[in-house]
Protein backbone atom coordinates (compact mmCIF):
# COMPACT_ATOMS: atom_id res chain seq x y z
CA MET A 1 -83.80 31.61 -83.63
CA GLN A 2 -86.06 30.45 -80.83
CA TRP A 3 -83.98 28.18 -78.58
CA LEU A 4 -85.13 29.16 -75.12
CA PRO A 5 -86.59 26.42 -72.93
CA GLN A 6 -89.91 26.90 -71.21
CA PRO A 7 -89.26 28.40 -67.76
CA SER A 8 -90.89 27.14 -64.58
CA PHE A 9 -92.71 30.47 -64.16
CA ASN A 10 -94.65 32.75 -66.47
CA MET A 11 -91.80 34.67 -68.12
CA SER A 12 -92.60 38.14 -69.38
CA ALA A 13 -92.32 38.84 -73.07
CA SER A 14 -89.57 41.39 -72.41
CA ASP A 15 -87.47 38.88 -70.44
CA ARG A 16 -87.96 36.28 -73.13
CA GLU A 17 -86.88 38.79 -75.78
CA ARG A 18 -83.81 39.82 -73.77
CA LEU A 19 -82.74 36.21 -73.23
CA GLN A 20 -83.21 35.56 -76.93
CA HIS A 21 -81.03 38.59 -77.75
CA MET A 22 -78.36 37.19 -75.45
CA LEU A 23 -78.50 33.81 -77.12
CA ASP A 24 -78.48 35.29 -80.62
CA ALA A 25 -75.47 37.48 -79.80
CA ALA A 26 -73.56 34.52 -78.34
CA ILE A 27 -74.27 32.41 -81.42
CA GLU A 28 -73.20 35.29 -83.66
CA ALA A 29 -69.93 35.76 -81.74
CA LEU A 30 -69.17 32.05 -82.00
CA SER A 31 -69.86 32.12 -85.73
CA PHE A 32 -67.39 35.00 -86.14
CA LEU A 33 -64.75 32.93 -84.35
CA GLU A 34 -65.35 29.69 -86.20
CA GLY A 35 -62.11 28.53 -87.79
CA LYS A 36 -60.17 31.45 -86.33
CA THR A 37 -57.09 31.28 -84.13
CA GLN A 38 -55.95 33.52 -81.29
CA ASP A 39 -53.52 35.09 -83.78
CA ASP A 40 -56.41 35.88 -86.12
CA LEU A 41 -58.18 37.65 -83.29
CA ASN A 42 -55.03 39.49 -82.24
CA GLN A 43 -54.34 40.67 -85.79
CA SER A 44 -57.86 41.67 -86.86
CA ARG A 45 -59.23 44.79 -85.24
CA VAL A 46 -62.49 44.29 -87.14
CA LEU A 47 -62.92 40.78 -85.72
CA ALA A 48 -62.06 41.96 -82.20
CA LEU A 49 -64.55 44.82 -82.45
CA ALA A 50 -67.28 42.51 -83.77
CA ILE A 51 -66.79 40.12 -80.86
CA THR A 52 -66.69 43.02 -78.41
CA ARG A 53 -70.00 44.33 -79.78
CA GLU A 54 -71.71 40.96 -79.35
CA ILE A 55 -70.46 40.79 -75.75
CA GLU A 56 -71.84 44.31 -75.17
CA ILE A 57 -75.23 43.18 -76.49
CA ILE A 58 -75.19 40.22 -74.09
CA GLY A 59 -74.27 42.45 -71.15
CA GLU A 60 -76.85 45.09 -71.96
CA ALA A 61 -79.63 42.53 -72.30
CA ALA A 62 -78.51 40.73 -69.13
CA SER A 63 -78.61 43.95 -67.13
CA ARG A 64 -82.29 44.38 -68.01
CA VAL A 65 -83.54 40.88 -67.18
CA SER A 66 -85.97 40.89 -64.24
CA ALA A 67 -84.95 39.57 -60.81
CA GLU A 68 -87.59 36.83 -61.05
CA CYS A 69 -86.16 35.61 -64.33
CA ARG A 70 -82.58 35.79 -63.03
CA ALA A 71 -83.54 33.64 -60.05
CA SER A 72 -84.89 30.94 -62.36
CA PHE A 73 -81.50 30.58 -64.12
CA PRO A 74 -79.06 30.02 -61.23
CA GLY A 75 -76.34 28.78 -63.57
CA PHE A 76 -75.98 32.30 -64.97
CA ARG A 77 -75.49 34.14 -61.66
CA GLY A 78 -72.11 35.54 -62.70
CA LEU A 79 -73.62 37.03 -65.85
CA TRP A 80 -76.22 39.13 -64.06
C-alpha cells in the first residue's frame, strides 16, 4: 500500500520505505485484532506473538528514520 502523504521536504527513498513499512505493519496488526477481544489476545499466544512482531517491525523502522524526516512529523515524537 502507498498511503504516505507528500512531505514538505525531499524525503529520501529509504525514509519513505521505512515509513511505509511502519504503516504496513500497523495495518497488519490492526487486521489481526479485528473482531478480537482482550480475552482472545490473552488466550492466544500466536495472536500475541504476531502483534508483538508487527510492533517490533514498527520500532525497528522508526529507529532508522533520518532526523530530518523525524522533524517533519512532530506528531510522532514519542515513536522516535
